[in-house]
Amino acid sequence: TMAGSPFCDSKCGVRCSKAGYKERCLKYCGICCSKCNCVPSG
């Protein structure tokens, strides 16, 4: 249940690649992606 989907994991990996707090970015991006089924590019 805690594992993210491959779609969200890959999109959030790109989204958070330059984040200063990468773990926190990945956590919240994953939450948002699972609710919205999309992640903005870049």
Full PDB file with SEQRES, HELIX, SHEET, SSBOND, CRYST1, ORIGX, SCALE, CONECT and MASTER records, all heavy atoms in Angstrom:
SEQRES   1 A   42  THR MET ALA GLY SER PRO PHE CYS ASP SER LYS CYS GLY          
SEQRES   2 A   42  VAL ARG CYS SER LYS ALA GLY TYR LYS GLU ARG CYS LEU          
SEQRES   3 A   42  LYS TYR CYS GLY ILE CYS CYS SER LYS CYS ASN CYS VAL          
SEQRES   4 A   42  PRO SER GLY                                                  
HELIX    1 AA1 PRO A    6  ARG A   15  1                                  10    
HELIX    2 AA2 LYS A   22  CYS A   36  1                                  15    
SSBOND   1 CYS A    8    CYS A   33                          1555   1555  2.05  
SSBOND   2 CYS A   12    CYS A   29                          1555   1555  2.15  
SSBOND   3 CYS A   16    CYS A   25                          1555   1555  2.02  
CRYST1    1.000    1.000    1.000  90.00  90.00  90.00 P 1           1          
ORIGX1      1.000000  0.000000  0.000000        0.00000                         
ORIGX2      0.000000  1.000000  0.000000        0.00000                         
ORIGX3      0.000000  0.000000  1.000000        0.00000                         
SCALE1      1.000000  0.000000  0.000000        0.00000                         
SCALE2      0.000000  1.000000  0.000000        0.00000                         
SCALE3      0.000000  0.000000  1.000000        0.00000                         
ATOM      1  N   THR A   1       0.821  -1.208   0.000  1.00  0.00           N  
ATOM      2  CA  THR A   1       0.000   0.000   0.000  1.00  0.00           C  
ATOM      3  C   THR A   1       0.856   1.259   0.000  1.00  0.00           C  
ATOM      4  O   THR A   1       0.414   2.293  -0.477  1.00  0.00           O  
ATOM      5  CB  THR A   1      -0.943   0.041   1.214  1.00  0.00           C  
ATOM      6  OG1 THR A   1      -0.181  -0.014   2.412  1.00  0.00           O  
ATOM      7  CG2 THR A   1      -1.920  -1.111   1.181  1.00  0.00           C  
ATOM      8  N   MET A   2       2.069   1.205   0.503  1.00  0.00           N  
ATOM      9  CA  MET A   2       2.925   2.376   0.546  1.00  0.00           C  
ATOM     10  C   MET A   2       3.696   2.575  -0.765  1.00  0.00           C  
ATOM     11  O   MET A   2       4.218   3.647  -1.011  1.00  0.00           O  
ATOM     12  CB  MET A   2       3.934   2.259   1.701  1.00  0.00           C  
ATOM     13  CG  MET A   2       3.302   2.365   3.070  1.00  0.00           C  
ATOM     14  SD  MET A   2       2.401   3.899   3.312  1.00  0.00           S  
ATOM     15  CE  MET A   2       3.737   5.043   3.399  1.00  0.00           C  
ATOM     16  N   ALA A   3       3.777   1.533  -1.571  1.00  0.00           N  
ATOM     17  CA  ALA A   3       4.523   1.653  -2.815  1.00  0.00           C  
ATOM     18  C   ALA A   3       3.748   2.509  -3.805  1.00  0.00           C  
ATOM     19  O   ALA A   3       2.535   2.425  -3.906  1.00  0.00           O  
ATOM     20  CB  ALA A   3       4.778   0.272  -3.401  1.00  0.00           C  
ATOM     21  N   GLY A   4       4.471   3.352  -4.540  1.00  0.00           N  
ATOM     22  CA  GLY A   4       3.845   4.182  -5.545  1.00  0.00           C  
ATOM     23  C   GLY A   4       3.702   3.427  -6.856  1.00  0.00           C  
ATOM     24  O   GLY A   4       4.262   2.354  -7.044  1.00  0.00           O  
ATOM     25  N   SER A   5       2.955   3.999  -7.757  1.00  0.00           N  
ATOM     26  CA  SER A   5       2.818   3.378  -9.070  1.00  0.00           C  
ATOM     27  C   SER A   5       4.064   3.693  -9.890  1.00  0.00           C  
ATOM     28  O   SER A   5       4.732   4.700  -9.657  1.00  0.00           O  
ATOM     29  CB  SER A   5       1.578   3.914  -9.764  1.00  0.00           C  
ATOM     30  OG  SER A   5       1.771   5.254 -10.170  1.00  0.00           O  
ATOM     31  N   PRO A   6       4.373   2.857 -10.876  1.00  0.00           N  
ATOM     32  CA  PRO A   6       5.532   3.146 -11.733  1.00  0.00           C  
ATOM     33  C   PRO A   6       5.383   4.490 -12.452  1.00  0.00           C  
ATOM     34  O   PRO A   6       6.358   5.208 -12.628  1.00  0.00           O  
ATOM     35  CB  PRO A   6       5.544   1.979 -12.721  1.00  0.00           C  
ATOM     36  CG  PRO A   6       4.832   0.881 -12.021  1.00  0.00           C  
ATOM     37  CD  PRO A   6       3.805   1.546 -11.148  1.00  0.00           C  
ATOM     38  N   PHE A   7       4.158   4.835 -12.853  1.00  0.00           N  
ATOM     39  CA  PHE A   7       3.920   6.119 -13.512  1.00  0.00           C  
ATOM     40  C   PHE A   7       4.307   7.269 -12.591  1.00  0.00           C  
ATOM     41  O   PHE A   7       5.082   8.150 -12.973  1.00  0.00           O  
ATOM     42  CB  PHE A   7       2.457   6.245 -13.923  1.00  0.00           C  
ATOM     43  CG  PHE A   7       2.085   7.621 -14.411  1.00  0.00           C  
ATOM     44  CD1 PHE A   7       2.407   8.022 -15.692  1.00  0.00           C  
ATOM     45  CD2 PHE A   7       1.427   8.521 -13.579  1.00  0.00           C  
ATOM     46  CE1 PHE A   7       2.076   9.295 -16.151  1.00  0.00           C  
ATOM     47  CE2 PHE A   7       1.085   9.785 -14.024  1.00  0.00           C  
ATOM     48  CZ  PHE A   7       1.414  10.179 -15.306  1.00  0.00           C  
ATOM     49  N   CYS A   8       3.774   7.268 -11.378  1.00  0.00           N  
ATOM     50  CA  CYS A   8       4.051   8.358 -10.435  1.00  0.00           C  
ATOM     51  C   CYS A   8       5.520   8.383 -10.031  1.00  0.00           C  
ATOM     52  O   CYS A   8       6.112   9.452  -9.915  1.00  0.00           O  
ATOM     53  CB  CYS A   8       3.164   8.233  -9.202  1.00  0.00           C  
ATOM     54  SG  CYS A   8       1.420   8.620  -9.510  1.00  0.00           S  
ATOM     55  N   ASP A   9       6.099   7.216  -9.815  1.00  0.00           N  
ATOM     56  CA  ASP A   9       7.502   7.167  -9.407  1.00  0.00           C  
ATOM     57  C   ASP A   9       8.407   7.796 -10.468  1.00  0.00           C  
ATOM     58  O   ASP A   9       9.309   8.566 -10.143  1.00  0.00           O  
ATOM     59  CB  ASP A   9       7.937   5.723  -9.147  1.00  0.00           C  
ATOM     60  CG  ASP A   9       7.323   5.147  -7.883  1.00  0.00           C  
ATOM     61  OD1 ASP A   9       6.766   5.926  -7.080  1.00  0.00           O  
ATOM     62  OD2 ASP A   9       7.397   3.921  -7.708  1.00  0.00           O  
ATOM     63  N   SER A  10       8.153   7.471 -11.731  1.00  0.00           N  
ATOM     64  CA  SER A  10       9.011   8.014 -12.779  1.00  0.00           C  
ATOM     65  C   SER A  10       8.784   9.511 -12.979  1.00  0.00           C  
ATOM     66  O   SER A  10       9.734  10.279 -13.121  1.00  0.00           O  
ATOM     67  CB  SER A  10       8.810   7.257 -14.092  1.00  0.00           C  
ATOM     68  OG  SER A  10       7.509   7.458 -14.590  1.00  0.00           O  
ATOM     69  N   LYS A  11       7.515   9.937 -12.999  1.00  0.00           N  
ATOM     70  CA  LYS A  11       7.215  11.363 -13.188  1.00  0.00           C  
ATOM     71  C   LYS A  11       7.734  12.190 -12.018  1.00  0.00           C  
ATOM     72  O   LYS A  11       8.279  13.279 -12.210  1.00  0.00           O  
ATOM     73  CB  LYS A  11       5.705  11.584 -13.348  1.00  0.00           C  
ATOM     74  CG  LYS A  11       5.131  10.990 -14.600  1.00  0.00           C  
ATOM     75  CD  LYS A  11       5.563  11.794 -15.795  1.00  0.00           C  
ATOM     76  CE  LYS A  11       4.854  11.348 -17.049  1.00  0.00           C  
ATOM     77  NZ  LYS A  11       5.198  12.124 -18.210  1.00  0.00           N  
ATOM     78  N   CYS A  12       7.557  11.696 -10.795  1.00  0.00           N  
ATOM     79  CA  CYS A  12       8.034  12.440  -9.622  1.00  0.00           C  
ATOM     80  C   CYS A  12       9.559  12.429  -9.544  1.00  0.00           C  
ATOM     81  O   CYS A  12      10.161  13.382  -9.046  1.00  0.00           O  
ATOM     82  CB  CYS A  12       7.428  11.867  -8.345  1.00  0.00           C  
ATOM     83  SG  CYS A  12       5.663  12.242  -8.182  1.00  0.00           S  
ATOM     84  N   GLY A  13      10.187  11.375 -10.034  1.00  0.00           N  
ATOM     85  CA  GLY A  13      11.643  11.347 -10.087  1.00  0.00           C  
ATOM     86  C   GLY A  13      12.190  12.481 -10.941  1.00  0.00           C  
ATOM     87  O   GLY A  13      13.170  13.136 -10.577  1.00  0.00           O  
ATOM     88  N   VAL A  14      11.526  12.741 -12.063  1.00  0.00           N  
ATOM     89  CA  VAL A  14      11.935  13.853 -12.931  1.00  0.00           C  
ATOM     90  C   VAL A  14      11.604  15.175 -12.257  1.00  0.00           C  
ATOM     91  O   VAL A  14      12.430  16.094 -12.212  1.00  0.00           O  
ATOM     92  CB  VAL A  14      11.233  13.750 -14.304  1.00  0.00           C  
ATOM     93  CG1 VAL A  14      11.481  14.998 -15.139  1.00  0.00           C  
ATOM     94  CG2 VAL A  14      11.695  12.513 -15.047  1.00  0.00           C  
ATOM     95  N   ARG A  15      10.388  15.280 -11.715  1.00  0.00           N  
ATOM     96  CA  ARG A  15       9.927  16.535 -11.097  1.00  0.00           C  
ATOM     97  C   ARG A  15      10.842  16.944  -9.942  1.00  0.00           C  
ATOM     98  O   ARG A  15      11.112  18.126  -9.732  1.00  0.00           O  
ATOM     99  CB  ARG A  15       8.485  16.364 -10.601  1.00  0.00           C  
ATOM    100  CG  ARG A  15       7.852  17.593 -10.024  1.00  0.00           C  
ATOM    101  CD  ARG A  15       7.411  18.525 -11.093  1.00  0.00           C  
ATOM    102  NE  ARG A  15       6.751  19.714 -10.548  1.00  0.00           N  
ATOM    103  CZ  ARG A  15       6.441  20.755 -11.279  1.00  0.00           C  
ATOM    104  NH1 ARG A  15       6.664  20.754 -12.563  1.00  0.00           N  
ATOM    105  NH2 ARG A  15       5.875  21.796 -10.749  1.00  0.00           N  
ATOM    106  N   CYS A  16      11.300  15.976  -9.176  1.00  0.00           N  
ATOM    107  CA  CYS A  16      12.080  16.271  -7.966  1.00  0.00           C  
ATOM    108  C   CYS A  16      13.590  16.131  -8.161  1.00  0.00           C  
ATOM    109  O   CYS A  16      14.345  16.194  -7.193  1.00  0.00           O  
ATOM    110  CB  CYS A  16      11.620  15.347  -6.841  1.00  0.00           C  
ATOM    111  SG  CYS A  16       9.896  15.599  -6.364  1.00  0.00           S  
ATOM    112  N   SER A  17      14.035  15.971  -9.396  1.00  0.00           N  
ATOM    113  CA  SER A  17      15.457  15.705  -9.646  1.00  0.00           C  
ATOM    114  C   SER A  17      16.376  16.829  -9.174  1.00  0.00           C  
ATOM    115  O   SER A  17      17.520  16.576  -8.820  1.00  0.00           O  
ATOM    116  CB  SER A  17      15.699  15.421 -11.128  1.00  0.00           C  
ATOM    117  OG  SER A  17      15.388  16.555 -11.917  1.00  0.00           O  
ATOM    118  N   LYS A  18      15.893  18.054  -9.141  1.00  0.00           N  
ATOM    119  CA  LYS A  18      16.735  19.175  -8.703  1.00  0.00           C  
ATOM    120  C   LYS A  18      16.319  19.754  -7.351  1.00  0.00           C  
ATOM    121  O   LYS A  18      16.798  20.806  -6.956  1.00  0.00           O  
ATOM    122  CB  LYS A  18      16.695  20.288  -9.753  1.00  0.00           C  
ATOM    123  CG  LYS A  18      17.322  19.889 -11.070  1.00  0.00           C  
ATOM    124  CD  LYS A  18      17.342  21.033 -12.048  1.00  0.00           C  
ATOM    125  CE  LYS A  18      17.990  20.629 -13.351  1.00  0.00           C  
ATOM    126  NZ  LYS A  18      17.996  21.728 -14.328  1.00  0.00           N  
ATOM    127  N   ALA A  19      15.435  19.053  -6.652  1.00  0.00           N  
ATOM    128  CA  ALA A  19      14.926  19.554  -5.369  1.00  0.00           C  
ATOM    129  C   ALA A  19      16.011  19.522  -4.301  1.00  0.00           C  
ATOM    130  O   ALA A  19      16.827  18.605  -4.252  1.00  0.00           O  
ATOM    131  CB  ALA A  19      13.728  18.726  -4.904  1.00  0.00           C  
ATOM    132  N   GLY A  20      15.993  20.516  -3.425  1.00  0.00           N  
ATOM    133  CA  GLY A  20      16.937  20.557  -2.315  1.00  0.00           C  
ATOM    134  C   GLY A  20      16.627  19.493  -1.274  1.00  0.00           C  
ATOM    135  O   GLY A  20      17.525  18.931  -0.668  1.00  0.00           O  
ATOM    136  N   TYR A  21      15.353  19.212  -1.053  1.00  0.00           N  
ATOM    137  CA  TYR A  21      14.898  18.189  -0.111  1.00  0.00           C  
ATOM    138  C   TYR A  21      14.189  17.115  -0.919  1.00  0.00           C  
ATOM    139  O   TYR A  21      12.962  17.051  -0.966  1.00  0.00           O  
ATOM    140  CB  TYR A  21      13.965  18.793   0.939  1.00  0.00           C  
ATOM    141  CG  TYR A  21      14.629  19.839   1.802  1.00  0.00           C  
ATOM    142  CD1 TYR A  21      14.491  21.190   1.524  1.00  0.00           C  
ATOM    143  CD2 TYR A  21      15.409  19.459   2.882  1.00  0.00           C  
ATOM    144  CE1 TYR A  21      15.109  22.157   2.306  1.00  0.00           C  
ATOM    145  CE2 TYR A  21      16.034  20.413   3.672  1.00  0.00           C  
ATOM    146  CZ  TYR A  21      15.870  21.753   3.385  1.00  0.00           C  
ATOM    147  OH  TYR A  21      16.480  22.696   4.166  1.00  0.00           O  
ATOM    148  N   LYS A  22      14.979  16.258  -1.554  1.00  0.00           N  
ATOM    149  CA  LYS A  22      14.448  15.298  -2.526  1.00  0.00           C  
ATOM    150  C   LYS A  22      13.433  14.335  -1.910  1.00  0.00           C  
ATOM    151  O   LYS A  22      12.398  14.062  -2.518  1.00  0.00           O  
ATOM    152  CB  LYS A  22      15.578  14.521  -3.163  1.00  0.00           C  
ATOM    153  CG  LYS A  22      15.117  13.659  -4.326  1.00  0.00           C  
ATOM    154  CD  LYS A  22      16.271  13.066  -5.075  1.00  0.00           C  
ATOM    155  CE  LYS A  22      16.689  14.066  -6.102  1.00  0.00           C  
ATOM    156  NZ  LYS A  22      17.655  13.600  -7.061  1.00  0.00           N  
ATOM    157  N   GLU A  23      13.698  13.803  -0.717  1.00  0.00           N  
ATOM    158  CA  GLU A  23      12.776  12.840  -0.101  1.00  0.00           C  
ATOM    159  C   GLU A  23      11.407  13.462   0.157  1.00  0.00           C  
ATOM    160  O   GLU A  23      10.374  12.861  -0.102  1.00  0.00           O  
ATOM    161  CB  GLU A  23      13.356  12.277   1.198  1.00  0.00           C  
ATOM    162  CG  GLU A  23      14.554  11.382   0.988  1.00  0.00           C  
ATOM    163  CD  GLU A  23      14.239  10.153   0.156  1.00  0.00           C  
ATOM    164  OE1 GLU A  23      13.181   9.535   0.376  1.00  0.00           O  
ATOM    165  OE2 GLU A  23      15.051   9.818  -0.725  1.00  0.00           O  
ATOM    166  N   ARG A  24      11.402  14.684   0.659  1.00  0.00           N  
ATOM    167  CA  ARG A  24      10.138  15.371   0.922  1.00  0.00           C  
ATOM    168  C   ARG A  24       9.415  15.680  -0.382  1.00  0.00           C  
ATOM    169  O   ARG A  24       8.205  15.513  -0.487  1.00  0.00           O  
ATOM    170  CB  ARG A  24      10.387  16.651   1.724  1.00  0.00           C  
ATOM    171  CG  ARG A  24       9.101  17.357   2.098  1.00  0.00           C  
ATOM    172  CD  ARG A  24       9.310  18.443   3.109  1.00  0.00           C  
ATOM    173  NE  ARG A  24      10.243  19.449   2.609  1.00  0.00           N  
ATOM    174  CZ  ARG A  24      10.637  20.496   3.309  1.00  0.00           C  
ATOM    175  NH1 ARG A  24      10.189  20.677   4.535  1.00  0.00           N  
ATOM    176  NH2 ARG A  24      11.464  21.370   2.800  1.00  0.00           N  
ATOM    177  N   CYS A  25      10.149  16.103  -1.389  1.00  0.00           N  
ATOM    178  CA  CYS A  25       9.563  16.379  -2.702  1.00  0.00           C  
ATOM    179  C   CYS A  25       8.917  15.117  -3.268  1.00  0.00           C  
ATOM    180  O   CYS A  25       7.788  15.144  -3.750  1.00  0.00           O  
ATOM    181  CB  CYS A  25      10.629  16.910  -3.655  1.00  0.00           C  
ATOM    182  SG  CYS A  25      10.012  17.307  -5.300  1.00  0.00           S  
ATOM    183  N   LEU A  26       9.643  13.994  -3.215  1.00  0.00           N  
ATOM    184  CA  LEU A  26       9.106  12.739  -3.739  1.00  0.00           C  
ATOM    185  C   LEU A  26       7.862  12.291  -2.976  1.00  0.00           C  
ATOM    186  O   LEU A  26       6.911  11.776  -3.576  1.00  0.00           O  
ATOM    187  CB  LEU A  26      10.175  11.650  -3.690  1.00  0.00           C  
ATOM    188  CG  LEU A  26      11.326  11.805  -4.675  1.00  0.00           C  
ATOM    189  CD1 LEU A  26      12.444  10.818  -4.368  1.00  0.00           C  
ATOM    190  CD2 LEU A  26      10.840  11.641  -6.106  1.00  0.00           C  
ATOM    191  N   LYS A  27       7.858  12.507  -1.666  1.00  0.00           N  
ATOM    192  CA  LYS A  27       6.700  12.117  -0.852  1.00  0.00           C  
ATOM    193  C   LYS A  27       5.453  12.888  -1.282  1.00  0.00           C  
ATOM    194  O   LYS A  27       4.415  12.292  -1.572  1.00  0.00           O  
ATOM    195  CB  LYS A  27       6.993  12.384   0.627  1.00  0.00           C  
ATOM    196  CG  LYS A  27       5.806  12.149   1.533  1.00  0.00           C  
ATOM    197  CD  LYS A  27       6.119  12.541   2.961  1.00  0.00           C  
ATOM    198  CE  LYS A  27       4.893  12.446   3.848  1.00  0.00           C  
ATOM    199  NZ  LYS A  27       5.167  12.876   5.205  1.00  0.00           N  
ATOM    200  N   TYR A  28       5.560  14.203  -1.319  1.00  0.00           N  
ATOM    201  CA  TYR A  28       4.384  15.017  -1.642  1.00  0.00           C  
ATOM    202  C   TYR A  28       4.001  14.924  -3.117  1.00  0.00           C  
ATOM    203  O   TYR A  28       2.819  14.935  -3.450  1.00  0.00           O  
ATOM    204  CB  TYR A  28       4.583  16.462  -1.198  1.00  0.00           C  
ATOM    205  CG  TYR A  28       4.502  16.570   0.297  1.00  0.00           C  
ATOM    206  CD1 TYR A  28       5.637  16.791   1.065  1.00  0.00           C  
ATOM    207  CD2 TYR A  28       3.292  16.403   0.951  1.00  0.00           C  
ATOM    208  CE1 TYR A  28       5.572  16.854   2.442  1.00  0.00           C  
ATOM    209  CE2 TYR A  28       3.213  16.459   2.332  1.00  0.00           C  
ATOM    210  CZ  TYR A  28       4.350  16.687   3.073  1.00  0.00           C  
ATOM    211  OH  TYR A  28       4.277  16.724   4.438  1.00  0.00           O  
ATOM    212  N   CYS A  29       4.980  14.795  -3.982  1.00  0.00           N  
ATOM    213  CA  CYS A  29       4.674  14.599  -5.396  1.00  0.00           C  
ATOM    214  C   CYS A  29       3.920  13.282  -5.582  1.00  0.00           C  
ATOM    215  O   CYS A  29       2.945  13.215  -6.333  1.00  0.00           O  
ATOM    216  CB  CYS A  29       5.950  14.605  -6.222  1.00  0.00           C  
ATOM    217  SG  CYS A  29       5.666  14.387  -7.990  1.00  0.00           S  
ATOM    218  N   GLY A  30       4.346  12.234  -4.884  1.00  0.00           N  
ATOM    219  CA  GLY A  30       3.662  10.940  -4.966  1.00  0.00           C  
ATOM    220  C   GLY A  30       2.236  11.008  -4.467  1.00  0.00           C  
ATOM    221  O   GLY A  30       1.330  10.412  -5.065  1.00  0.00           O  
ATOM    222  N   ILE A  31       2.015  11.742  -3.380  1.00  0.00           N  
ATOM    223  CA  ILE A  31       0.655  11.912  -2.849  1.00  0.00           C  
ATOM    224  C   ILE A  31      -0.207  12.636  -3.878  1.00  0.00           C  
ATOM    225  O   ILE A  31      -1.328  12.215  -4.181  1.00  0.00           O  
ATOM    226  CB  ILE A  31       0.686  12.688  -1.515  1.00  0.00           C  
ATOM    227  CG1 ILE A  31       1.319  11.842  -0.413  1.00  0.00           C  
ATOM    228  CG2 ILE A  31      -0.724  13.131  -1.122  1.00  0.00           C  
ATOM    229  CD1 ILE A  31       1.626  12.608   0.852  1.00  0.00           C  
ATOM    230  N   CYS A  32       0.320  13.710  -4.430  1.00  0.00           N  
ATOM    231  CA  CYS A  32      -0.435  14.496  -5.411  1.00  0.00           C  
ATOM    232  C   CYS A  32      -0.685  13.697  -6.683  1.00  0.00           C  
ATOM    233  O   CYS A  32      -1.773  13.748  -7.258  1.00  0.00           O  
ATOM    234  CB  CYS A  32       0.304  15.793  -5.723  1.00  0.00           C  
ATOM    235  SG  CYS A  32       0.439  16.892  -4.295  1.00  0.00           S  
ATOM    236  N   CYS A  33       0.304  12.963  -7.133  1.00  0.00           N  
ATOM    237  CA  CYS A  33       0.162  12.174  -8.353  1.00  0.00           C  
ATOM    238  C   CYS A  33      -0.888  11.080  -8.175  1.00  0.00           C  
ATOM    239  O   CYS A  33      -1.694  10.836  -9.072  1.00  0.00           O  
ATOM    240  CB  CYS A  33       1.500  11.561  -8.745  1.00  0.00           C  
ATOM    241  SG  CYS A  33       1.435  10.542 -10.223  1.00  0.00           S  
ATOM    242  N   SER A  34      -0.896  10.436  -7.011  1.00  0.00           N  
ATOM    243  CA  SER A  34      -1.877   9.374  -6.800  1.00  0.00           C  
ATOM    244  C   SER A  34      -3.300   9.927  -6.748  1.00  0.00           C  
ATOM    245  O   SER A  34      -4.239   9.255  -7.163  1.00  0.00           O  
ATOM    246  CB  SER A  34      -1.555   8.587  -5.530  1.00  0.00           C  
ATOM    247  OG  SER A  34      -1.684   9.399  -4.391  1.00  0.00           O  
ATOM    248  N   LYS A  35      -3.462  11.155  -6.269  1.00  0.00           N  
ATOM    249  CA  LYS A  35      -4.793  11.770  -6.240  1.00  0.00           C  
ATOM    250  C   LYS A  35      -5.201  12.305  -7.606  1.00  0.00           C  
ATOM    251  O   LYS A  35      -6.370  12.236  -7.978  1.00  0.00           O  
ATOM    252  CB  LYS A  35      -4.830  12.914  -5.230  1.00  0.00           C  
ATOM    253  CG  LYS A  35      -4.819  12.462  -3.798  1.00  0.00           C  
ATOM    254  CD  LYS A  35      -4.935  13.641  -2.853  1.00  0.00           C  
ATOM    255  CE  LYS A  35      -4.894  13.163  -1.421  1.00  0.00           C  
ATOM    256  NZ  LYS A  35      -5.003  14.263  -0.465  1.00  0.00           N  
ATOM    257  N   CYS A  36      -4.263  12.845  -8.354  1.00  0.00           N  
ATOM    258  CA  CYS A  36      -4.583  13.552  -9.605  1.00  0.00           C  
ATOM    259  C   CYS A  36      -4.262  12.758 -10.869  1.00  0.00           C  
ATOM    260  O   CYS A  36      -4.726  13.121 -11.950  1.00  0.00           O  
ATOM    261  CB  CYS A  36      -3.804  14.868  -9.659  1.00  0.00           C  
ATOM    262  SG  CYS A  36      -4.213  15.993  -8.322  1.00  0.00           S  
ATOM    263  N   ASN A  37      -3.454  11.719 -10.753  1.00  0.00           N  
ATOM    264  CA  ASN A  37      -3.014  10.923 -11.900  1.00  0.00           C  
ATOM    265  C   ASN A  37      -2.283  11.750 -12.947  1.00  0.00           C  
ATOM    266  O   ASN A  37      -2.388  11.475 -14.144  1.00  0.00           O  
ATOM    267  CB  ASN A  37      -4.185  10.182 -12.539  1.00  0.00           C  
ATOM    268  CG  ASN A  37      -4.772   9.157 -11.598  1.00  0.00           C  
ATOM    269  OD1 ASN A  37      -4.044   8.428 -10.950  1.00  0.00           O  
ATOM    270  ND2 ASN A  37      -6.083   9.120 -11.506  1.00  0.00           N  
ATOM    271  N   CYS A  38      -1.596  12.785 -12.524  1.00  0.00           N  
ATOM    272  CA  CYS A  38      -0.758  13.560 -13.427  1.00  0.00           C  
ATOM    273  C   CYS A  38       0.277  14.336 -12.622  1.00  0.00           C  
ATOM    274  O   CYS A  38       0.089  14.599 -11.437  1.00  0.00           O  
ATOM    275  CB  CYS A  38      -1.584  14.513 -14.290  1.00  0.00           C  
ATOM    276  SG  CYS A  38      -2.408  15.814 -13.391  1.00  0.00           S  
ATOM    277  N   VAL A  39       1.372  14.652 -13.288  1.00  0.00           N  
ATOM    278  CA  VAL A  39       2.448  15.461 -12.715  1.00  0.00           C  
ATOM    279  C   VAL A  39       2.894  16.418 -13.812  1.00  0.00           C  
ATOM    280  O   VAL A  39       3.125  15.989 -14.939  1.00  0.00           O  
ATOM    281  CB  VAL A  39       3.639  14.585 -12.268  1.00  0.00           C  
ATOM    282  CG1 VAL A  39       4.799  15.435 -11.788  1.00  0.00           C  
ATOM    283  CG2 VAL A  39       3.219  13.614 -11.181  1.00  0.00           C  
ATOM    284  N   PRO A  40       3.010  17.703 -13.517  1.00  0.00           N  
ATOM    285  CA  PRO A  40       3.465  18.648 -14.544  1.00  0.00           C  
ATOM    286  C   PRO A  40       4.874  18.320 -15.034  1.00  0.00           C  
ATOM    287  O   PRO A  40       5.684  17.765 -14.297  1.00  0.00           O  
ATOM    288  CB  PRO A  40       3.454  19.999 -13.814  1.00  0.00           C  
ATOM    289  CG  PRO A  40       2.567  19.812 -12.648  1.00  0.00           C  
ATOM    290  CD  PRO A  40       2.678  18.373 -12.258  1.00  0.00           C  
ATOM    291  N   SER A  41       5.163  18.669 -16.266  1.00  0.00           N  
ATOM    292  CA  SER A  41       6.481  18.397 -16.830  1.00  0.00           C  
ATOM    293  C   SER A  41       7.521  19.340 -16.237  1.00  0.00           C  
ATOM    294  O   SER A  41       7.199  20.401 -15.710  1.00  0.00           O  
ATOM    295  CB  SER A  41       6.440  18.552 -18.348  1.00  0.00           C  
ATOM    296  OG  SER A  41       6.108  19.886 -18.688  1.00  0.00           O  
ATOM    297  N   GLY A  42       8.755  18.941 -16.320  1.00  0.00           N  
ATOM    298  CA  GLY A  42       9.854  19.770 -15.836  1.00  0.00           C  
ATOM    299  C   GLY A  42      10.062  19.653 -14.347  1.00  0.00           C  
ATOM    300  O   GLY A  42       9.397  18.898 -13.651  1.00  0.00           O  
TER     301      GLY A  42                                                      
CONECT   54  241                                                                
CONECT   83  217                                                                
CONECT  111  182                                                                
CONECT  182  111                                                                
CONECT  217   83                                                                
CONECT  241   54                                                                
MASTER        0    0    0    2    0    0    0    6  300    1    6    4          
END                                                                             
